[in-house]
Amino acid sequence: MLTSNLACGPMSKEIIEAIFRHSHKYGKQLMLICSRNQVDAANGYVFTTKNYMDYVDTMERKYSKSNVIICRDHCGPGFGANKESDLVGTKETIRCDLENGFDLIHIDLCLAEMSHEDRLRNTIELMKYAKSIRPDVMFEIGTDENVGVAETDVERIVSDVHACQKIANPTFYVVQTGSLVHEVFNVGSFEADKVRTMHEALRRCGTKLKEHNADYLTSSQLAERSGVVDAVNIAPQLGVVQTSHVLSQALIYGIDTQSFVNAVMLGGKWRKWNNNGENRQLCALVAGHYHFNGSEYQRLIDNFVSHTEIRESIIDQVTKVIEHYLFSLE
């Protein structure tokens, strides 16, 4: 049974281990929810699917009391590394995920160039396909690209849920709440009354309301969501916390970071979170996690060996974020 209210992106081995360690220590169910850019059948800037699940298996054995639900985020055309426009790659992701032990698939066709009706029809077809591979798979649905404006069309969302329930009751429906991540801030505005209306409608359907883009929220902002939002996703914040910690520790110990920062700048992934490249340190913060598997990052980490247990301190910093969200969402 899925009871967790927090889903975290697996941008690094340290982040994944922090999730399992916390779940094991406190008996809390948590979710890991990977994008197709992070983890996919044949590629991913963190792992391939098979390697990811091998590492998850290692964590499950190391932390035997952990309870971590393995989830796929944004599974649809346009989200993979190849940005394919058809459903072939999406089906391959679903097949590989379920054959390797994933528990939940978020079917998201918001980037597909088709009408809402066609998106819904294809969502249902993908649900059927997933259930043919693993009958007990759980689903998250939601087909709107986040723009920082709260959803108000209750009738449409209820209709979507009812249509999907002919195949399986979605565990979550992703609802736009007004939140929006830019750089290292949440620049959106939570629209509580609109979200509360949506939450009540979904509750009557037997489906939970999920909020994406919940990174960088304060305790008071999270308290506003109590009883209104059933679960939240955080991902870029965890990558930023890891990058920030490594760079600050490097400053303390006099370790040169320029090769890593240069690699991040050349990679160009910072453009997703930042309008220009004038502030190199900011670019490194928001996009450093795309390069954790690169040689420049590994050389940077190797330089800490004689100074500090950098991997353990990364896990500690990530755990503080997890605890902040879990405590504030109670």
C-alpha atoms as a PDB file:
ATOM      1  CA  MET A   1       0.000   0.000   0.000  1.00  0.00           C
ATOM      2  CA  LEU A   2       1.333   3.424  -0.942  1.00  0.00           C
ATOM      3  CA  THR A   3       1.149   5.853   1.983  1.00  0.00           C
ATOM      4  CA  SER A   4       4.149   8.117   1.365  1.00  0.00           C
ATOM      5  CA  ASN A   5       3.720  11.858   0.897  1.00  0.00           C
ATOM      6  CA  LEU A   6       7.245  12.580  -0.387  1.00  0.00           C
ATOM      7  CA  ALA A   7       8.859  11.608  -3.700  1.00  0.00           C
ATOM      8  CA  CYS A   8      12.521  12.393  -4.352  1.00  0.00           C
ATOM      9  CA  GLY A   9      14.485  12.430  -7.587  1.00  0.00           C
ATOM     10  CA  PRO A  10      17.502  10.055  -7.675  1.00  0.00           C
ATOM     11  CA  MET A  11      20.188  12.349  -9.088  1.00  0.00           C
ATOM     12  CA  SER A  12      23.070  10.521  -7.407  1.00  0.00           C
ATOM     13  CA  LYS A  13      24.020   7.421  -5.463  1.00  0.00           C
ATOM     14  CA  GLU A  14      24.277   9.558  -2.328  1.00  0.00           C
ATOM     15  CA  ILE A  15      20.731  10.884  -2.717  1.00  0.00           C
ATOM     16  CA  ILE A  16      19.396   7.369  -3.279  1.00  0.00           C
ATOM     17  CA  GLU A  17      21.231   6.100  -0.204  1.00  0.00           C
ATOM     18  CA  ALA A  18      19.916   8.980   1.916  1.00  0.00           C
ATOM     19  CA  ILE A  19      16.371   7.939   1.002  1.00  0.00           C
ATOM     20  CA  PHE A  20      16.918   4.293   1.909  1.00  0.00           C
ATOM     21  CA  ARG A  21      18.829   5.112   5.091  1.00  0.00           C
ATOM     22  CA  HIS A  22      16.126   7.464   6.360  1.00  0.00           C
ATOM     23  CA  SER A  23      13.341   5.011   5.544  1.00  0.00           C
ATOM     24  CA  HIS A  24      15.238   2.206   7.302  1.00  0.00           C
ATOM     25  CA  LYS A  25      16.036   4.267  10.398  1.00  0.00           C
ATOM     26  CA  TYR A  26      12.608   5.806  10.984  1.00  0.00           C
ATOM     27  CA  GLY A  27      10.260   3.290   9.370  1.00  0.00           C
ATOM     28  CA  LYS A  28       8.955   5.901   6.927  1.00  0.00           C
ATOM     29  CA  GLN A  29       7.768   4.958   3.464  1.00  0.00           C
ATOM     30  CA  LEU A  30       9.335   7.169   0.791  1.00  0.00           C
ATOM     31  CA  MET A  31       9.224   7.331  -3.001  1.00  0.00           C
ATOM     32  CA  LEU A  32      12.050   7.520  -5.526  1.00  0.00           C
ATOM     33  CA  ILE A  33      10.769   9.008  -8.773  1.00  0.00           C
ATOM     34  CA  CYS A  34      13.153   9.119 -11.723  1.00  0.00           C
ATOM     35  CA  SER A  35      12.780  11.030 -14.983  1.00  0.00           C
ATOM     36  CA  ARG A  36      13.654   9.462 -18.328  1.00  0.00           C
ATOM     37  CA  ASN A  37      16.646  11.810 -18.571  1.00  0.00           C
ATOM     38  CA  GLN A  38      17.989  10.467 -15.282  1.00  0.00           C
ATOM     39  CA  VAL A  39      17.231   6.782 -15.805  1.00  0.00           C
ATOM     40  CA  ASP A  40      16.025   4.976 -18.923  1.00  0.00           C
ATOM     41  CA  ALA A  41      16.267   1.632 -20.675  1.00  0.00           C
ATOM     42  CA  ALA A  42      19.423   2.399 -22.660  1.00  0.00           C
ATOM     43  CA  ASN A  43      20.711   5.688 -21.211  1.00  0.00           C
ATOM     44  CA  GLY A  44      20.411   8.251 -18.435  1.00  0.00           C
ATOM     45  CA  TYR A  45      22.708  10.773 -16.814  1.00  0.00           C
ATOM     46  CA  VAL A  46      22.518   8.797 -13.542  1.00  0.00           C
ATOM     47  CA  PHE A  47      21.951   5.147 -14.539  1.00  0.00           C
ATOM     48  CA  THR A  48      20.430   2.872 -17.128  1.00  0.00           C
ATOM     49  CA  THR A  49      17.293   1.191 -15.780  1.00  0.00           C
ATOM     50  CA  LYS A  50      19.003  -2.148 -15.157  1.00  0.00           C
ATOM     51  CA  ASN A  51      21.958  -0.547 -13.345  1.00  0.00           C
ATOM     52  CA  TYR A  52      19.596   1.664 -11.353  1.00  0.00           C
ATOM     53  CA  MET A  53      17.591  -1.295 -10.107  1.00  0.00           C
ATOM     54  CA  ASP A  54      20.793  -3.208  -9.330  1.00  0.00           C
ATOM     55  CA  TYR A  55      21.826  -0.307  -7.095  1.00  0.00           C
ATOM     56  CA  VAL A  56      18.341  -0.162  -5.560  1.00  0.00           C
ATOM     57  CA  ASP A  57      18.675  -3.871  -4.779  1.00  0.00           C
ATOM     58  CA  THR A  58      22.014  -3.161  -3.065  1.00  0.00           C
ATOM     59  CA  MET A  59      20.351  -0.463  -0.957  1.00  0.00           C
ATOM     60  CA  GLU A  60      17.423  -2.720  -0.057  1.00  0.00           C
ATOM     61  CA  ARG A  61      19.845  -5.365   1.203  1.00  0.00           C
ATOM     62  CA  LYS A  62      21.939  -2.802   3.097  1.00  0.00           C
ATOM     63  CA  TYR A  63      18.867  -1.145   4.645  1.00  0.00           C
ATOM     64  CA  SER A  64      16.628  -4.147   5.201  1.00  0.00           C
ATOM     65  CA  LYS A  65      13.901  -2.232   7.068  1.00  0.00           C
ATOM     66  CA  SER A  66      13.510   0.391   4.349  1.00  0.00           C
ATOM     67  CA  ASN A  67      10.236   0.844   2.477  1.00  0.00           C
ATOM     68  CA  VAL A  68      10.928   2.749  -0.745  1.00  0.00           C
ATOM     69  CA  ILE A  69       8.456   2.805  -3.643  1.00  0.00           C
ATOM     70  CA  ILE A  70      10.196   2.875  -7.043  1.00  0.00           C
ATOM     71  CA  CYS A  71       8.422   5.244  -9.415  1.00  0.00           C
ATOM     72  CA  ARG A  72       8.766   6.503 -12.979  1.00  0.00           C
ATOM     73  CA  ASP A  73       8.263  10.248 -13.468  1.00  0.00           C
ATOM     74  CA  HIS A  74       7.017  11.921 -16.684  1.00  0.00           C
ATOM     75  CA  CYS A  75       6.776   8.848 -18.871  1.00  0.00           C
ATOM     76  CA  GLY A  76       5.723  10.114 -22.274  1.00  0.00           C
ATOM     77  CA  PRO A  77       6.937  11.390 -25.642  1.00  0.00           C
ATOM     78  CA  GLY A  78       9.424  14.263 -25.490  1.00  0.00           C
ATOM     79  CA  PHE A  79      10.836  13.419 -22.060  1.00  0.00           C
ATOM     80  CA  GLY A  80      13.504  10.890 -22.996  1.00  0.00           C
ATOM     81  CA  ALA A  81      17.079  11.658 -23.992  1.00  0.00           C
ATOM     82  CA  ASN A  82      16.112  11.168 -27.656  1.00  0.00           C
ATOM     83  CA  LYS A  83      12.993  13.384 -27.361  1.00  0.00           C
ATOM     84  CA  GLU A  84      11.019  10.999 -29.583  1.00  0.00           C
ATOM     85  CA  SER A  85       7.558  12.188 -30.593  1.00  0.00           C
ATOM     86  CA  ASP A  86       5.823   8.798 -30.827  1.00  0.00           C
ATOM     87  CA  LEU A  87       4.860   6.267 -28.171  1.00  0.00           C
ATOM     88  CA  VAL A  88       7.419   3.623 -29.134  1.00  0.00           C
ATOM     89  CA  GLY A  89      10.105   4.898 -26.762  1.00  0.00           C
ATOM     90  CA  THR A  90       7.529   5.437 -24.023  1.00  0.00           C
ATOM     91  CA  LYS A  91       6.406   1.822 -24.271  1.00  0.00           C
ATOM     92  CA  GLU A  92      10.002   0.631 -24.165  1.00  0.00           C
ATOM     93  CA  THR A  93      10.554   2.635 -20.979  1.00  0.00           C
ATOM     94  CA  ILE A  94       7.406   1.165 -19.408  1.00  0.00           C
ATOM     95  CA  ARG A  95       8.332  -2.386 -20.427  1.00  0.00           C
ATOM     96  CA  CYS A  96      11.878  -2.086 -19.100  1.00  0.00           C
ATOM     97  CA  ASP A  97      10.726  -0.410 -15.876  1.00  0.00           C
ATOM     98  CA  LEU A  98       8.162  -3.048 -15.016  1.00  0.00           C
ATOM     99  CA  GLU A  99      10.342  -5.991 -15.975  1.00  0.00           C
ATOM    100  CA  ASN A 100      12.993  -4.585 -13.614  1.00  0.00           C
ATOM    101  CA  GLY A 101      10.656  -4.070 -10.682  1.00  0.00           C
ATOM    102  CA  PHE A 102       9.237  -0.521 -10.766  1.00  0.00           C
ATOM    103  CA  ASP A 103       6.080  -0.052  -8.677  1.00  0.00           C
ATOM    104  CA  LEU A 104       4.453   3.059 -10.183  1.00  0.00           C
ATOM    105  CA  ILE A 105       4.402   4.708 -13.618  1.00  0.00           C
ATOM    106  CA  HIS A 106       3.545   8.370 -14.172  1.00  0.00           C
ATOM    107  CA  ILE A 107       2.033   8.541 -17.646  1.00  0.00           C
ATOM    108  CA  ASP A 108       2.465  12.092 -18.890  1.00  0.00           C
ATOM    109  CA  LEU A 109       1.632  13.113 -22.449  1.00  0.00           C
ATOM    110  CA  CYS A 110       1.822  16.870 -21.902  1.00  0.00           C
ATOM    111  CA  LEU A 111       4.569  17.248 -24.533  1.00  0.00           C
ATOM    112  CA  ALA A 112       2.747  15.146 -27.147  1.00  0.00           C
ATOM    113  CA  GLU A 113       1.407  17.254 -30.000  1.00  0.00           C
ATOM    114  CA  MET A 114      -2.197  16.099 -29.866  1.00  0.00           C
ATOM    115  CA  SER A 115      -5.561  17.141 -28.462  1.00  0.00           C
ATOM    116  CA  HIS A 116      -6.469  16.540 -24.834  1.00  0.00           C
ATOM    117  CA  GLU A 117      -8.885  13.842 -25.956  1.00  0.00           C
ATOM    118  CA  ASP A 118      -6.096  12.019 -27.792  1.00  0.00           C
ATOM    119  CA  ARG A 119      -3.778  12.413 -24.819  1.00  0.00           C
ATOM    120  CA  LEU A 120      -6.386  10.814 -22.585  1.00  0.00           C
ATOM    121  CA  ARG A 121      -7.028   8.008 -25.074  1.00  0.00           C
ATOM    122  CA  ASN A 122      -3.301   7.269 -25.319  1.00  0.00           C
ATOM    123  CA  THR A 123      -2.921   7.456 -21.531  1.00  0.00           C
ATOM    124  CA  ILE A 124      -5.529   4.718 -21.248  1.00  0.00           C
ATOM    125  CA  GLU A 125      -3.788   2.645 -23.913  1.00  0.00           C
ATOM    126  CA  LEU A 126      -0.467   2.964 -22.085  1.00  0.00           C
ATOM    127  CA  MET A 127      -2.144   1.947 -18.830  1.00  0.00           C
ATOM    128  CA  LYS A 128      -3.487  -1.169 -20.557  1.00  0.00           C
ATOM    129  CA  TYR A 129      -0.022  -1.899 -21.914  1.00  0.00           C
ATOM    130  CA  ALA A 130       1.558  -1.523 -18.464  1.00  0.00           C
ATOM    131  CA  LYS A 131      -1.025  -3.772 -16.825  1.00  0.00           C
ATOM    132  CA  SER A 132      -0.400  -6.442 -19.450  1.00  0.00           C
ATOM    133  CA  ILE A 133       3.195  -6.587 -18.149  1.00  0.00           C
ATOM    134  CA  ARG A 134       2.515  -6.146 -14.443  1.00  0.00           C
ATOM    135  CA  PRO A 135      -1.146  -6.328 -13.373  1.00  0.00           C
ATOM    136  CA  ASP A 136      -0.520  -4.735  -9.952  1.00  0.00           C
ATOM    137  CA  VAL A 137       1.312  -1.646 -11.274  1.00  0.00           C
ATOM    138  CA  MET A 138       0.241   1.683  -9.766  1.00  0.00           C
ATOM    139  CA  PHE A 139      -0.329   4.804 -11.850  1.00  0.00           C
ATOM    140  CA  GLU A 140       0.125   8.534 -11.641  1.00  0.00           C
ATOM    141  CA  ILE A 141      -1.572  10.583 -14.345  1.00  0.00           C
ATOM    142  CA  GLY A 142      -1.675  14.226 -15.358  1.00  0.00           C
ATOM    143  CA  THR A 143      -1.199  15.745 -18.793  1.00  0.00           C
ATOM    144  CA  ASP A 144      -0.631  19.461 -18.227  1.00  0.00           C
ATOM    145  CA  GLU A 145       2.783  21.103 -18.582  1.00  0.00           C
ATOM    146  CA  ASN A 146       3.563  23.134 -15.473  1.00  0.00           C
ATOM    147  CA  VAL A 147       3.451  26.913 -16.014  1.00  0.00           C
ATOM    148  CA  GLY A 148       2.971  28.175 -12.444  1.00  0.00           C
ATOM    149  CA  VAL A 149      -0.810  28.598 -12.610  1.00  0.00           C
ATOM    150  CA  ALA A 150      -3.242  26.558 -10.503  1.00  0.00           C
ATOM    151  CA  GLU A 151      -5.661  24.194 -12.242  1.00  0.00           C
ATOM    152  CA  THR A 152      -9.345  25.136 -12.042  1.00  0.00           C
ATOM    153  CA  ASP A 153     -11.096  22.777 -14.464  1.00  0.00           C
ATOM    154  CA  VAL A 154     -12.481  20.305 -11.932  1.00  0.00           C
ATOM    155  CA  GLU A 155     -14.950  18.771 -14.369  1.00  0.00           C
ATOM    156  CA  ARG A 156     -12.234  17.840 -16.867  1.00  0.00           C
ATOM    157  CA  ILE A 157      -9.951  16.282 -14.278  1.00  0.00           C
ATOM    158  CA  VAL A 158     -12.764  14.244 -12.726  1.00  0.00           C
ATOM    159  CA  SER A 159     -13.744  13.084 -16.203  1.00  0.00           C
ATOM    160  CA  ASP A 160     -10.119  12.062 -16.889  1.00  0.00           C
ATOM    161  CA  VAL A 161      -9.967  10.050 -13.662  1.00  0.00           C
ATOM    162  CA  HIS A 162     -13.263   8.307 -14.364  1.00  0.00           C
ATOM    163  CA  ALA A 163     -12.066   7.365 -17.860  1.00  0.00           C
ATOM    164  CA  CYS A 164      -8.814   5.929 -16.491  1.00  0.00           C
ATOM    165  CA  GLN A 165     -10.633   4.067 -13.718  1.00  0.00           C
ATOM    166  CA  LYS A 166     -12.081   1.750 -16.353  1.00  0.00           C
ATOM    167  CA  ILE A 167      -8.541   0.325 -16.501  1.00  0.00           C
ATOM    168  CA  ALA A 168      -7.169   1.068 -13.028  1.00  0.00           C
ATOM    169  CA  ASN A 169      -7.732   3.646 -10.336  1.00  0.00           C
ATOM    170  CA  PRO A 170      -4.840   6.155 -10.524  1.00  0.00           C
ATOM    171  CA  THR A 171      -3.002   6.456  -7.232  1.00  0.00           C
ATOM    172  CA  PHE A 172      -2.134  10.098  -7.987  1.00  0.00           C
ATOM    173  CA  TYR A 173      -3.337  12.863 -10.254  1.00  0.00           C
ATOM    174  CA  VAL A 174      -0.769  15.622 -10.788  1.00  0.00           C
ATOM    175  CA  VAL A 175      -2.498  18.957 -10.245  1.00  0.00           C
ATOM    176  CA  GLN A 176      -0.963  22.341 -11.004  1.00  0.00           C
ATOM    177  CA  THR A 177      -1.003  24.267  -7.707  1.00  0.00           C
ATOM    178  CA  GLY A 178       0.735  27.477  -8.756  1.00  0.00           C
ATOM    179  CA  SER A 179       4.224  26.376  -7.705  1.00  0.00           C
ATOM    180  CA  LEU A 180       7.104  26.855 -10.143  1.00  0.00           C
ATOM    181  CA  VAL A 181      10.867  26.310  -9.811  1.00  0.00           C
ATOM    182  CA  HIS A 182      13.367  28.773 -11.301  1.00  0.00           C
ATOM    183  CA  GLU A 183      17.085  28.766 -10.516  1.00  0.00           C
ATOM    184  CA  VAL A 184      17.262  27.902  -6.780  1.00  0.00           C
ATOM    185  CA  PHE A 185      13.883  29.318  -5.797  1.00  0.00           C
ATOM    186  CA  ASN A 186      10.219  28.423  -5.889  1.00  0.00           C
ATOM    187  CA  VAL A 187       8.844  31.474  -7.645  1.00  0.00           C
ATOM    188  CA  GLY A 188       5.233  30.305  -7.861  1.00  0.00           C
ATOM    189  CA  SER A 189       2.297  31.155  -5.624  1.00  0.00           C
ATOM    190  CA  PHE A 190       0.284  28.353  -4.025  1.00  0.00           C
ATOM    191  CA  GLU A 191      -3.420  28.928  -4.671  1.00  0.00           C
ATOM    192  CA  ALA A 192      -4.894  27.110  -1.695  1.00  0.00           C
ATOM    193  CA  ASP A 193      -8.607  27.617  -2.392  1.00  0.00           C
ATOM    194  CA  LYS A 194      -8.353  26.314  -5.959  1.00  0.00           C
ATOM    195  CA  VAL A 195      -6.222  23.375  -4.898  1.00  0.00           C
ATOM    196  CA  ARG A 196      -8.602  22.547  -2.031  1.00  0.00           C
ATOM    197  CA  THR A 197     -11.500  22.349  -4.474  1.00  0.00           C
ATOM    198  CA  MET A 198      -9.489  20.033  -6.705  1.00  0.00           C
ATOM    199  CA  HIS A 199      -8.407  17.915  -3.752  1.00  0.00           C
ATOM    200  CA  GLU A 200     -11.963  17.359  -2.600  1.00  0.00           C
ATOM    201  CA  ALA A 201     -13.077  16.360  -6.090  1.00  0.00           C
ATOM    202  CA  LEU A 202     -10.218  13.867  -6.410  1.00  0.00           C
ATOM    203  CA  ARG A 203     -10.837  12.520  -2.919  1.00  0.00           C
ATOM    204  CA  ARG A 204     -14.382  11.661  -3.912  1.00  0.00           C
ATOM    205  CA  CYS A 205     -12.911   9.746  -6.875  1.00  0.00           C
ATOM    206  CA  GLY A 206     -10.568   7.811  -4.608  1.00  0.00           C
ATOM    207  CA  THR A 207      -7.437   9.407  -6.136  1.00  0.00           C
ATOM    208  CA  LYS A 208      -4.744  11.415  -4.337  1.00  0.00           C
ATOM    209  CA  LEU A 209      -3.570  14.882  -5.367  1.00  0.00           C
ATOM    210  CA  LYS A 210       0.146  15.130  -6.229  1.00  0.00           C
ATOM    211  CA  GLU A 211       2.101  18.382  -6.536  1.00  0.00           C
ATOM    212  CA  HIS A 212       5.215  18.571  -8.679  1.00  0.00           C
ATOM    213  CA  ASN A 213       7.726  21.449  -8.479  1.00  0.00           C
ATOM    214  CA  ALA A 214       7.577  21.547  -4.678  1.00  0.00           C
ATOM    215  CA  ASP A 215      11.306  22.248  -4.304  1.00  0.00           C
ATOM    216  CA  TYR A 216      12.644  25.049  -2.076  1.00  0.00           C
ATOM    217  CA  LEU A 217       9.470  25.417   0.011  1.00  0.00           C
ATOM    218  CA  THR A 218       9.628  26.744   3.568  1.00  0.00           C
ATOM    219  CA  SER A 219       7.972  25.099   6.565  1.00  0.00           C
ATOM    220  CA  SER A 220       5.106  27.604   6.455  1.00  0.00           C
ATOM    221  CA  GLN A 221       4.589  27.049   2.730  1.00  0.00           C
ATOM    222  CA  LEU A 222       4.474  23.300   3.281  1.00  0.00           C
ATOM    223  CA  ALA A 223       2.058  23.738   6.202  1.00  0.00           C
ATOM    224  CA  GLU A 224      -0.342  25.460   3.783  1.00  0.00           C
ATOM    225  CA  ARG A 225      -0.499  22.175   1.894  1.00  0.00           C
ATOM    226  CA  SER A 226      -1.496  20.073   4.897  1.00  0.00           C
ATOM    227  CA  GLY A 227      -4.798  18.318   4.216  1.00  0.00           C
ATOM    228  CA  VAL A 228      -4.890  19.724   0.686  1.00  0.00           C
ATOM    229  CA  VAL A 229      -1.904  18.143  -1.084  1.00  0.00           C
ATOM    230  CA  ASP A 230      -1.460  14.400  -0.543  1.00  0.00           C
ATOM    231  CA  ALA A 231       2.116  14.114  -1.840  1.00  0.00           C
ATOM    232  CA  VAL A 232       4.855  16.267  -3.360  1.00  0.00           C
ATOM    233  CA  ASN A 233       7.823  15.777  -5.686  1.00  0.00           C
ATOM    234  CA  ILE A 234      11.227  17.308  -5.068  1.00  0.00           C
ATOM    235  CA  ALA A 235      14.237  16.736  -7.298  1.00  0.00           C
ATOM    236  CA  PRO A 236      16.385  19.681  -8.465  1.00  0.00           C
ATOM    237  CA  GLN A 237      16.727  20.923  -4.880  1.00  0.00           C
ATOM    238  CA  LEU A 238      18.457  17.696  -3.873  1.00  0.00           C
ATOM    239  CA  GLY A 239      20.928  18.006  -6.738  1.00  0.00           C
ATOM    240  CA  VAL A 240      21.608  21.633  -5.799  1.00  0.00           C
ATOM    241  CA  VAL A 241      22.153  20.692  -2.145  1.00  0.00           C
ATOM    242  CA  GLN A 242      24.738  18.085  -3.142  1.00  0.00           C
ATOM    243  CA  THR A 243      26.529  20.411  -5.562  1.00  0.00           C
ATOM    244  CA  SER A 244      26.461  23.302  -3.095  1.00  0.00           C
ATOM    245  CA  HIS A 245      27.901  21.151  -0.325  1.00  0.00           C
ATOM    246  CA  VAL A 246      30.720  19.804  -2.500  1.00  0.00           C
ATOM    247  CA  LEU A 247      31.661  23.265  -3.787  1.00  0.00           C
ATOM    248  CA  SER A 248      31.583  24.834  -0.311  1.00  0.00           C
ATOM    249  CA  GLN A 249      33.684  22.029   1.155  1.00  0.00           C
ATOM    250  CA  ALA A 250      36.144  22.455  -1.696  1.00  0.00           C
ATOM    251  CA  LEU A 251      36.446  26.120  -0.756  1.00  0.00           C
ATOM    252  CA  ILE A 252      37.185  25.164   2.859  1.00  0.00           C
ATOM    253  CA  TYR A 253      39.914  22.696   1.910  1.00  0.00           C
ATOM    254  CA  GLY A 254      41.411  24.706  -0.952  1.00  0.00           C
ATOM    255  CA  ILE A 255      40.366  22.227  -3.651  1.00  0.00           C
ATOM    256  CA  ASP A 256      40.169  23.610  -7.185  1.00  0.00           C
ATOM    257  CA  THR A 257      36.680  23.359  -8.706  1.00  0.00           C
ATOM    258  CA  GLN A 258      37.275  25.067 -12.053  1.00  0.00           C
ATOM    259  CA  SER A 259      37.428  21.912 -14.167  1.00  0.00           C
ATOM    260  CA  PHE A 260      34.050  20.803 -12.816  1.00  0.00           C
ATOM    261  CA  VAL A 261      32.471  24.246 -13.259  1.00  0.00           C
ATOM    262  CA  ASN A 262      33.836  24.433 -16.806  1.00  0.00           C
ATOM    263  CA  ALA A 263      32.311  21.032 -17.614  1.00  0.00           C
ATOM    264  CA  VAL A 264      28.937  22.188 -16.320  1.00  0.00           C
ATOM    265  CA  MET A 265      29.080  25.368 -18.375  1.00  0.00           C
ATOM    266  CA  LEU A 266      30.020  23.469 -21.538  1.00  0.00           C
ATOM    267  CA  GLY A 267      27.228  20.959 -20.930  1.00  0.00           C
ATOM    268  CA  GLY A 268      24.625  23.726 -21.219  1.00  0.00           C
ATOM    269  CA  LYS A 269      22.042  22.055 -18.974  1.00  0.00           C
ATOM    270  CA  TRP A 270      21.931  25.194 -16.830  1.00  0.00           C
ATOM    271  CA  ARG A 271      19.792  26.817 -19.538  1.00  0.00           C
ATOM    272  CA  LYS A 272      16.783  24.875 -18.243  1.00  0.00           C
ATOM    273  CA  TRP A 273      16.970  26.719 -14.911  1.00  0.00           C
ATOM    274  CA  ASN A 274      18.743  29.990 -15.710  1.00  0.00           C
ATOM    275  CA  ASN A 275      18.186  32.639 -18.399  1.00  0.00           C
ATOM    276  CA  ASN A 276      21.845  33.355 -19.067  1.00  0.00           C
ATOM    277  CA  GLY A 277      25.305  32.100 -18.191  1.00  0.00           C
ATOM    278  CA  GLU A 278      26.740  35.244 -16.612  1.00  0.00           C
ATOM    279  CA  ASN A 279      26.830  33.807 -13.083  1.00  0.00           C
ATOM    280  CA  ARG A 280      28.990  30.712 -13.450  1.00  0.00           C
ATOM    281  CA  GLN A 281      28.603  29.638  -9.826  1.00  0.00           C
ATOM    282  CA  LEU A 282      24.813  29.783 -10.084  1.00  0.00           C
ATOM    283  CA  CYS A 283      24.939  27.762 -13.312  1.00  0.00           C
ATOM    284  CA  ALA A 284      27.141  25.190 -11.597  1.00  0.00           C
ATOM    285  CA  LEU A 285      24.674  24.940  -8.707  1.00  0.00           C
ATOM    286  CA  VAL A 286      21.548  24.421 -10.815  1.00  0.00           C
ATOM    287  CA  ALA A 287      23.117  22.025 -13.306  1.00  0.00           C
ATOM    288  CA  GLY A 288      25.931  20.329 -11.422  1.00  0.00           C
ATOM    289  CA  HIS A 289      23.889  17.158 -10.846  1.00  0.00           C
ATOM    290  CA  TYR A 290      23.804  16.427 -14.584  1.00  0.00           C
ATOM    291  CA  HIS A 291      27.565  15.875 -14.343  1.00  0.00           C
ATOM    292  CA  PHE A 292      27.920  13.734 -11.196  1.00  0.00           C
ATOM    293  CA  ASN A 293      28.935  10.790 -13.376  1.00  0.00           C
ATOM    294  CA  GLY A 294      31.524  12.813 -15.263  1.00  0.00           C
ATOM    295  CA  SER A 295      35.276  12.499 -14.868  1.00  0.00           C
ATOM    296  CA  GLU A 296      35.660  16.109 -13.675  1.00  0.00           C
ATOM    297  CA  TYR A 297      33.273  15.525 -10.745  1.00  0.00           C
ATOM    298  CA  GLN A 298      34.961  12.253  -9.846  1.00  0.00           C
ATOM    299  CA  ARG A 299      38.385  13.919  -9.771  1.00  0.00           C
ATOM    300  CA  LEU A 300      36.924  16.659  -7.585  1.00  0.00           C
ATOM    301  CA  ILE A 301      35.521  14.090  -5.141  1.00  0.00           C
ATOM    302  CA  ASP A 302      38.808  12.139  -5.117  1.00  0.00           C
ATOM    303  CA  ASN A 303      40.585  15.266  -3.846  1.00  0.00           C
ATOM    304  CA  PHE A 304      38.609  15.091  -0.585  1.00  0.00           C
ATOM    305  CA  VAL A 305      40.047  11.712   0.443  1.00  0.00           C
ATOM    306  CA  SER A 306      42.702  13.136   2.752  1.00  0.00           C
ATOM    307  CA  HIS A 307      40.408  15.830   4.172  1.00  0.00           C
ATOM    308  CA  THR A 308      36.907  14.565   4.981  1.00  0.00           C
ATOM    309  CA  GLU A 309      34.345  11.806   4.392  1.00  0.00           C
ATOM    310  CA  ILE A 310      32.632  13.801   1.651  1.00  0.00           C
ATOM    311  CA  ARG A 311      30.173  11.083   0.651  1.00  0.00           C
ATOM    312  CA  GLU A 312      28.828  10.753   4.204  1.00  0.00           C
ATOM    313  CA  SER A 313      28.499  14.499   4.585  1.00  0.00           C
ATOM    314  CA  ILE A 314      26.572  14.686   1.275  1.00  0.00           C
ATOM    315  CA  ILE A 315      24.148  12.062   2.587  1.00  0.00           C
ATOM    316  CA  ASP A 316      23.796  14.070   5.806  1.00  0.00           C
ATOM    317  CA  GLN A 317      22.933  17.270   3.900  1.00  0.00           C
ATOM    318  CA  VAL A 318      20.373  15.478   1.717  1.00  0.00           C
ATOM    319  CA  THR A 319      18.825  13.867   4.796  1.00  0.00           C
ATOM    320  CA  LYS A 320      18.237  17.311   6.307  1.00  0.00           C
ATOM    321  CA  VAL A 321      16.121  18.241   3.278  1.00  0.00           C
ATOM    322  CA  ILE A 322      14.138  15.003   3.536  1.00  0.00           C
ATOM    323  CA  GLU A 323      13.495  15.629   7.226  1.00  0.00           C
ATOM    324  CA  HIS A 324      12.428  19.218   6.534  1.00  0.00           C
ATOM    325  CA  TYR A 325       9.761  18.049   4.100  1.00  0.00           C
ATOM    326  CA  LEU A 326       8.543  15.103   6.153  1.00  0.00           C
ATOM    327  CA  PHE A 327       8.301  17.157   9.367  1.00  0.00           C
ATOM    328  CA  SER A 328       6.574  20.093   7.658  1.00  0.00           C
ATOM    329  CA  LEU A 329       4.090  17.898   5.761  1.00  0.00           C
ATOM    330  CA  GLU A 330       2.914  15.997   8.880  1.00  0.00           C
END
